[in-house]
Protein backbone atom coordinates (compact mmCIF):
# COMPACT_ATOMS: atom_id res chain seq x y z
CA UNK A 1 41.35 -48.91 -28.30
CA UNK A 2 44.53 -47.29 -29.51
CA UNK A 3 46.94 -46.01 -26.89
CA UNK A 4 45.58 -48.21 -24.11
CA UNK A 5 46.43 -51.31 -22.14
CA UNK A 6 43.60 -53.85 -21.77
CA UNK A 7 41.00 -51.10 -22.04
CA UNK A 8 42.63 -48.60 -19.67
CA UNK A 9 45.03 -45.74 -20.30
CA UNK A 10 48.33 -44.80 -18.73
CA UNK A 11 48.73 -45.70 -15.06
CA UNK A 12 48.25 -42.81 -12.65
CA UNK A 13 45.41 -41.11 -14.53
CA UNK A 14 42.69 -39.44 -12.48
CA UNK A 15 39.51 -41.32 -11.53
CA UNK A 16 36.22 -39.95 -12.85
CA UNK A 17 33.30 -41.58 -10.99
CA UNK A 18 30.71 -40.34 -13.50
CA UNK A 19 32.52 -41.83 -16.48
CA UNK A 20 33.15 -45.01 -14.50
CA UNK A 21 29.45 -45.46 -13.78
CA UNK A 22 28.63 -44.92 -17.46
CA UNK A 23 30.81 -47.79 -18.59
CA UNK A 24 28.85 -50.85 -19.82
CA UNK A 25 31.01 -53.13 -17.71
CA UNK A 26 30.14 -51.20 -14.54
CA UNK A 27 26.42 -51.26 -15.36
CA UNK A 28 26.56 -55.02 -15.93
CA UNK A 29 28.32 -55.60 -12.62
CA UNK A 30 25.73 -53.55 -10.72
CA UNK A 31 22.91 -55.45 -12.43
CA UNK A 32 24.55 -58.79 -11.61
CA UNK A 33 24.95 -57.62 -8.02
CA UNK A 34 21.24 -56.72 -7.79
CA UNK A 35 20.16 -59.98 -9.43
CA UNK A 36 22.18 -62.01 -6.92
CA UNK A 37 20.54 -60.15 -4.02
CA UNK A 38 17.08 -60.95 -5.39
CA UNK A 39 17.88 -64.64 -5.81
CA UNK A 40 19.35 -65.43 -2.41
CA UNK A 41 17.27 -62.80 -0.60
CA UNK A 42 13.92 -64.10 -1.85
CA UNK A 43 14.81 -67.70 -1.02
CA UNK A 44 16.16 -66.90 2.45
CA UNK A 45 13.13 -64.77 3.38
CA UNK A 46 10.26 -66.67 1.77
CA UNK A 47 11.73 -69.79 0.21
CA UNK A 48 11.06 -72.09 3.14
CA UNK A 49 7.52 -73.19 4.05
CA UNK A 50 5.73 -75.61 6.36
CA UNK A 51 4.21 -78.41 4.34
CA UNK A 52 2.17 -80.70 6.61
CA UNK A 53 5.02 -80.57 9.15
CA UNK A 54 6.15 -77.99 11.70
CA UNK A 55 9.57 -77.96 10.10
CA UNK A 56 10.49 -75.58 7.32
CA UNK A 57 11.23 -77.09 3.92
CA UNK A 58 12.51 -75.65 0.68
CA UNK A 59 9.67 -74.40 -1.53
CA UNK A 60 11.24 -76.12 -4.54
CA UNK A 61 9.75 -79.60 -4.09
CA UNK A 62 11.08 -79.69 -0.52
CA UNK A 63 14.53 -80.17 -2.03
CA UNK A 64 16.96 -78.58 0.38
CA UNK A 65 19.74 -78.89 -2.18
CA UNK A 66 17.95 -76.57 -4.60
CA UNK A 67 17.61 -73.79 -2.04
CA UNK A 68 21.13 -74.25 -0.70
CA UNK A 69 22.62 -74.20 -4.18
CA UNK A 70 20.78 -71.03 -5.22
CA UNK A 71 21.68 -69.24 -1.98
CA UNK A 72 25.35 -70.23 -2.27
CA UNK A 73 25.63 -69.15 -5.93
CA UNK A 74 23.89 -65.87 -5.16
CA UNK A 75 26.08 -65.04 -2.16
CA UNK A 76 29.30 -65.81 -4.02
CA UNK A 77 28.11 -63.73 -6.98
CA UNK A 78 27.28 -60.88 -4.60
CA UNK A 79 30.79 -60.74 -3.12
CA UNK A 80 32.38 -61.34 -6.53
CA UNK A 81 30.60 -58.32 -7.99
CA UNK A 82 31.83 -56.15 -5.13
CA UNK A 83 35.37 -57.45 -5.57
CA UNK A 84 35.44 -56.87 -9.33
CA UNK A 85 33.93 -53.41 -8.95
CA UNK A 86 36.83 -52.40 -6.70
CA UNK A 87 39.22 -54.08 -9.13
CA UNK A 88 37.77 -52.03 -11.99
CA UNK A 89 38.31 -48.85 -9.97
CA UNK A 90 41.91 -49.80 -9.17
CA UNK A 91 42.67 -51.24 -12.63
CA UNK A 92 43.83 -47.94 -14.27
CA UNK A 93 46.36 -47.50 -11.45
CA UNK A 94 48.08 -50.82 -12.19
CA UNK A 95 51.36 -50.02 -13.91
CA UNK A 96 52.46 -53.59 -14.61
CA UNK A 97 51.32 -55.08 -17.91
CA UNK A 98 51.48 -58.60 -16.47
CA UNK A 99 49.30 -57.66 -13.50
CA UNK A 100 46.74 -56.09 -15.81
CA UNK A 101 46.70 -59.22 -17.92
CA UNK A 102 46.19 -61.41 -14.84
CA UNK A 103 43.30 -59.22 -13.69
CA UNK A 104 41.57 -59.43 -17.07
CA UNK A 105 42.08 -63.20 -17.24
CA UNK A 106 40.69 -63.58 -13.71
CA UNK A 107 37.64 -61.54 -14.68
CA UNK A 108 37.11 -63.50 -17.88
CA UNK A 109 37.56 -66.89 -16.22
CA UNK A 110 35.33 -66.21 -13.23
CA UNK A 111 32.61 -64.61 -15.35
CA UNK A 112 32.58 -67.58 -17.69
CA UNK A 113 32.38 -70.09 -14.83
CA UNK A 114 29.62 -68.17 -13.07
CA UNK A 115 27.62 -67.92 -16.27
CA UNK A 116 27.58 -71.71 -16.32
CA UNK A 117 26.80 -71.92 -12.58
CA UNK A 118 23.80 -69.62 -13.02
CA UNK A 119 22.63 -71.75 -15.95
CA UNK A 120 22.73 -74.83 -13.73
CA UNK A 121 20.92 -72.91 -11.00
CA UNK A 122 18.16 -71.82 -13.37
CA UNK A 123 17.65 -75.33 -14.73
CA UNK A 124 17.71 -76.85 -11.25
CA UNK A 125 15.17 -74.44 -9.75
CA UNK A 126 12.87 -74.53 -12.78
CA UNK A 127 12.84 -78.33 -12.83
CA UNK A 128 12.11 -78.62 -9.10
CA UNK A 129 9.40 -75.98 -9.28
CA UNK A 130 7.60 -77.88 -12.03
CA UNK A 131 7.33 -81.01 -9.90
CA UNK A 132 6.45 -79.14 -6.71
CA UNK A 133 3.07 -80.04 -5.25
CA UNK A 134 0.81 -77.02 -5.44
CA UNK A 135 -0.59 -76.74 -1.94
CA UNK A 136 -1.74 -73.57 -0.11
CA UNK A 137 1.53 -73.36 1.80
CA UNK A 138 3.50 -73.43 -1.44
CA UNK A 139 1.22 -70.85 -3.06
CA UNK A 140 2.17 -68.39 -0.33
CA UNK A 141 5.84 -68.57 -1.40
CA UNK A 142 5.14 -68.84 -5.13
CA UNK A 143 6.23 -65.26 -5.86
CA UNK A 144 9.59 -65.79 -4.15
CA UNK A 145 10.08 -69.09 -5.99
CA UNK A 146 9.35 -67.53 -9.36
CA UNK A 147 11.59 -64.56 -8.57
CA UNK A 148 14.48 -66.90 -7.83
CA UNK A 149 13.99 -68.67 -11.16
CA UNK A 150 13.53 -65.46 -13.18
CA UNK A 151 16.53 -63.64 -11.77
CA UNK A 152 18.66 -66.73 -12.12
CA UNK A 153 17.93 -66.51 -15.83
CA UNK A 154 18.71 -62.77 -15.88
CA UNK A 155 21.99 -63.53 -14.11
CA UNK A 156 22.98 -65.88 -16.93
CA UNK A 157 22.62 -63.04 -19.42
CA UNK A 158 24.50 -60.49 -17.30
CA UNK A 159 27.42 -62.79 -16.54
CA UNK A 160 27.68 -63.90 -20.18
CA UNK A 161 27.84 -60.21 -21.12
CA UNK A 162 30.58 -59.68 -18.50
CA UNK A 163 32.51 -62.58 -19.99
CA UNK A 164 32.23 -61.04 -23.44
CA UNK A 165 33.42 -57.65 -22.16
CA UNK A 166 36.42 -59.26 -20.47
CA UNK A 167 37.28 -61.05 -23.72
CA UNK A 168 37.15 -57.72 -25.54
CA UNK A 169 39.55 -56.18 -23.02
CA UNK A 170 41.91 -59.11 -23.38
CA UNK A 171 41.91 -58.86 -27.18
CA UNK A 172 42.75 -55.17 -27.02
CA UNK A 173 46.18 -56.08 -25.71
CA UNK A 174 48.73 -53.48 -24.68
CA UNK A 175 50.28 -50.44 -26.29
CA UNK A 176 53.78 -50.64 -24.83
CA UNK A 177 54.42 -46.94 -25.47
CA UNK A 178 52.24 -46.20 -22.44
CA UNK A 179 54.79 -47.80 -20.16
CA UNK A 180 57.91 -46.23 -21.67
CA UNK A 181 59.67 -43.84 -19.30
CA UNK A 182 59.82 -40.17 -20.20
CA UNK A 183 63.54 -39.94 -19.68
CA UNK A 184 64.23 -41.84 -22.90
CA UNK A 185 63.87 -40.03 -26.19
CA UNK A 186 61.16 -41.34 -28.48
CA UNK A 187 63.24 -40.84 -31.65
CA UNK A 188 66.44 -42.63 -32.61
CA UNK A 189 69.41 -41.58 -30.51
CA UNK A 190 71.97 -39.52 -32.39
CA UNK A 191 75.28 -41.24 -33.06
CA UNK A 192 78.63 -40.07 -31.89
CA UNK A 193 80.32 -37.56 -34.24
CA UNK A 194 83.03 -39.18 -36.31
CA UNK A 195 86.54 -37.93 -36.90
CA UNK A 196 86.85 -35.38 -39.69
CA UNK A 197 88.16 -36.89 -42.86
CA UNK A 198 90.14 -35.13 -45.54
CA UNK A 199 89.22 -34.86 -49.17
CA UNK A 200 92.10 -37.11 -50.22
CA UNK A 201 93.89 -34.26 -52.14
CA UNK A 202 97.05 -32.88 -50.67
CA UNK A 203 97.08 -29.09 -50.36
CA UNK A 204 100.54 -27.72 -51.23
CA UNK A 205 99.81 -24.33 -49.68
CA UNK A 206 99.75 -25.78 -46.23
CA UNK A 207 103.10 -27.57 -46.68
CA UNK A 208 105.79 -26.32 -44.36
CA UNK A 209 109.51 -26.83 -44.81
CA UNK A 210 111.19 -28.93 -42.19
CA UNK A 211 112.87 -26.97 -39.39
CA UNK A 212 116.57 -26.13 -39.22
CA UNK A 213 117.04 -26.12 -43.00
CA UNK A 214 119.50 -23.66 -44.52
CA UNK A 215 118.15 -21.20 -47.03
CA UNK A 216 120.75 -20.50 -49.75
CA UNK A 217 120.53 -17.30 -51.72
CA UNK A 218 120.66 -18.28 -55.39
CA UNK A 219 122.06 -14.82 -56.40
CA UNK A 220 125.44 -15.61 -54.82
CA UNK A 221 127.07 -17.49 -57.66
CA UNK A 222 130.30 -19.34 -57.21
CA UNK A 223 130.04 -19.29 -53.49
CA UNK A 224 130.71 -22.63 -52.02
CA UNK A 225 130.14 -23.75 -48.57
CA UNK A 226 133.50 -24.31 -46.95
CA UNK A 227 134.08 -27.76 -45.62
CA UNK A 228 135.52 -28.17 -42.16
């Protein structure tokens, strides 16, 4: 994008909520936020069942680590989406190029890491669900278990897309003219006027006789200046 800095224009521009919500990056963040709610919400509410014991166990093969991992990843993703949404709102107001670059790198790095974390979560839950004993108690929480697996997969796609969008913003770079102050002229500054130079030809009309010289009338012949 020409005339922009890491995908945003000059600092201090007005905020348009409608245009902000239409941005692909904003839509992806909202989707990732919703997906995280579905993952940890379904597991917390219906992901623990009683299997031949009065104690509650994780529906994924009674593996407490699977449920704890999915809940933790989902909660962190939930708060991360909220944080980056506010950062996207504040991003056009950042006047420092270095701060904008740090924000984009933070977004790109976290999105890439969380894409991998969601991939691990999807593989972990899917593997444990395959080896889970299908008993009536488990069948009651089957919808929640499948929802956790499905939306873990959807989260991989959304966070990979967020990583790609952050990479695009980073590659856009910065147009430094946006951060130039208005008090400096955009064109080359005019030089100081030089001293006037002559043409190199002496003008005899402007020659003046030296002062205190005696003008002798040539018509007075034979007159001699007396010597004292």
